[in-house]
Amino acid sequence: MAKVIVEKNVELAEQAVEKQVEIKHTRTMQDASGKDVEVVDFVENKNIDEAISEAEARKTTLEAQVVEVDAELADFIAIRDAE
């Protein structure tokens, strides 16, 4: 699933503006003629600081998963090369 992220400013009371982002979650499907088309599954609006925090947390999780996969790969290679 892909994402389209754009800036969105929300006006608050007393002329203050809060920076937000609009995130469109999309996927590619085929239309009746077989051509690929991009379809929006859903749209969410988030405060920019919240979006950054969530992305950083997701990045940390993914980096930890990469470390685990690297260790698995090293184990598999060691077993293969031991023969």
Protein backbone atom coordinates (compact mmCIF):
# COMPACT_ATOMS: atom_id res chain seq x y z
CA MET A 1 0.00 0.00 0.00
CA ALA A 2 1.44 3.34 -1.00
CA LYS A 3 0.91 6.70 0.63
CA VAL A 4 0.53 10.19 -0.81
CA ILE A 5 1.47 12.82 1.78
CA VAL A 6 0.69 16.51 1.40
CA GLU A 7 0.85 19.52 3.70
CA LYS A 8 -2.43 20.76 5.11
CA ASN A 9 -2.82 23.88 7.27
CA VAL A 10 -5.68 24.09 9.73
CA GLU A 11 -6.75 27.49 11.00
CA LEU A 12 -7.36 27.64 14.73
CA ALA A 13 -8.92 30.38 16.81
CA GLU A 14 -7.24 33.82 16.77
CA GLN A 15 -5.55 33.34 13.39
CA ALA A 16 -3.22 30.58 14.63
CA VAL A 17 -2.39 27.88 12.08
CA GLU A 18 -1.58 24.29 12.95
CA LYS A 19 0.52 22.37 10.45
CA GLN A 20 -0.96 19.05 9.52
CA VAL A 21 -0.44 16.45 6.85
CA GLU A 22 -3.01 14.66 4.77
CA ILE A 23 -2.06 11.04 4.15
CA LYS A 24 -3.85 9.21 1.35
CA HIS A 25 -3.44 5.44 1.58
CA THR A 26 -3.56 4.11 -1.95
CA ARG A 27 -3.27 0.86 -3.83
CA THR A 28 -3.01 -0.09 -7.48
CA MET A 29 -5.80 -2.01 -9.14
CA GLN A 30 -6.74 -2.85 -12.71
CA ASP A 31 -9.76 -1.28 -14.34
CA ALA A 32 -12.11 -3.10 -16.72
CA SER A 33 -9.74 -2.54 -19.64
CA GLY A 34 -6.77 -3.99 -17.76
CA LYS A 35 -5.01 -0.69 -17.13
CA ASP A 36 -3.46 0.00 -13.73
CA VAL A 37 -5.26 2.68 -11.74
CA GLU A 38 -4.45 4.12 -8.33
CA VAL A 39 -7.33 3.90 -5.84
CA VAL A 40 -7.52 5.77 -2.53
CA ASP A 41 -8.43 3.36 0.28
CA PHE A 42 -8.73 6.03 2.96
CA VAL A 43 -7.48 9.47 3.92
CA GLU A 44 -6.24 10.56 7.33
CA ASN A 45 -5.21 13.94 8.70
CA LYS A 46 -2.56 14.20 11.39
CA ASN A 47 -0.69 16.87 13.26
CA ILE A 48 2.79 17.09 11.74
CA ASP A 49 4.53 16.37 15.05
CA GLU A 50 2.37 13.30 15.64
CA ALA A 51 3.09 12.06 12.10
CA ILE A 52 6.83 12.51 12.62
CA SER A 53 6.74 10.67 15.97
CA GLU A 54 4.82 7.75 14.46
CA ALA A 55 7.22 7.53 11.50
CA GLU A 56 10.24 7.55 13.82
CA ALA A 57 8.71 4.79 15.97
CA ARG A 58 7.94 2.72 12.85
CA LYS A 59 11.52 3.26 11.63
CA THR A 60 12.93 2.02 14.96
CA THR A 61 10.78 -1.11 14.75
CA LEU A 62 11.85 -1.79 11.17
CA GLU A 63 15.52 -1.29 12.01
CA ALA A 64 15.18 -3.86 14.82
CA GLN A 65 13.58 -6.29 12.38
CA VAL A 66 16.47 -5.80 9.95
CA VAL A 67 18.94 -6.72 12.71
CA GLU A 68 16.96 -9.92 13.40
CA VAL A 69 16.84 -10.84 9.71
CA ASP A 70 20.58 -10.18 9.35
CA ALA A 71 21.23 -12.58 12.26
CA GLU A 72 18.97 -15.24 10.68
CA LEU A 73 20.71 -14.82 7.36
CA ALA A 74 24.13 -15.19 8.98
CA ASP A 75 22.95 -18.41 10.67
CA PHE A 76 21.63 -19.82 7.39
CA ILE A 77 24.84 -18.96 5.54
CA ALA A 78 26.95 -20.52 8.31
CA ILE A 79 24.93 -23.76 8.10
CA ARG A 80 25.21 -23.82 4.30
CA ASP A 81 28.95 -23.16 4.35
CA ALA A 82 29.59 -25.76 7.08
CA GLU A 83 28.77 -28.61 4.73
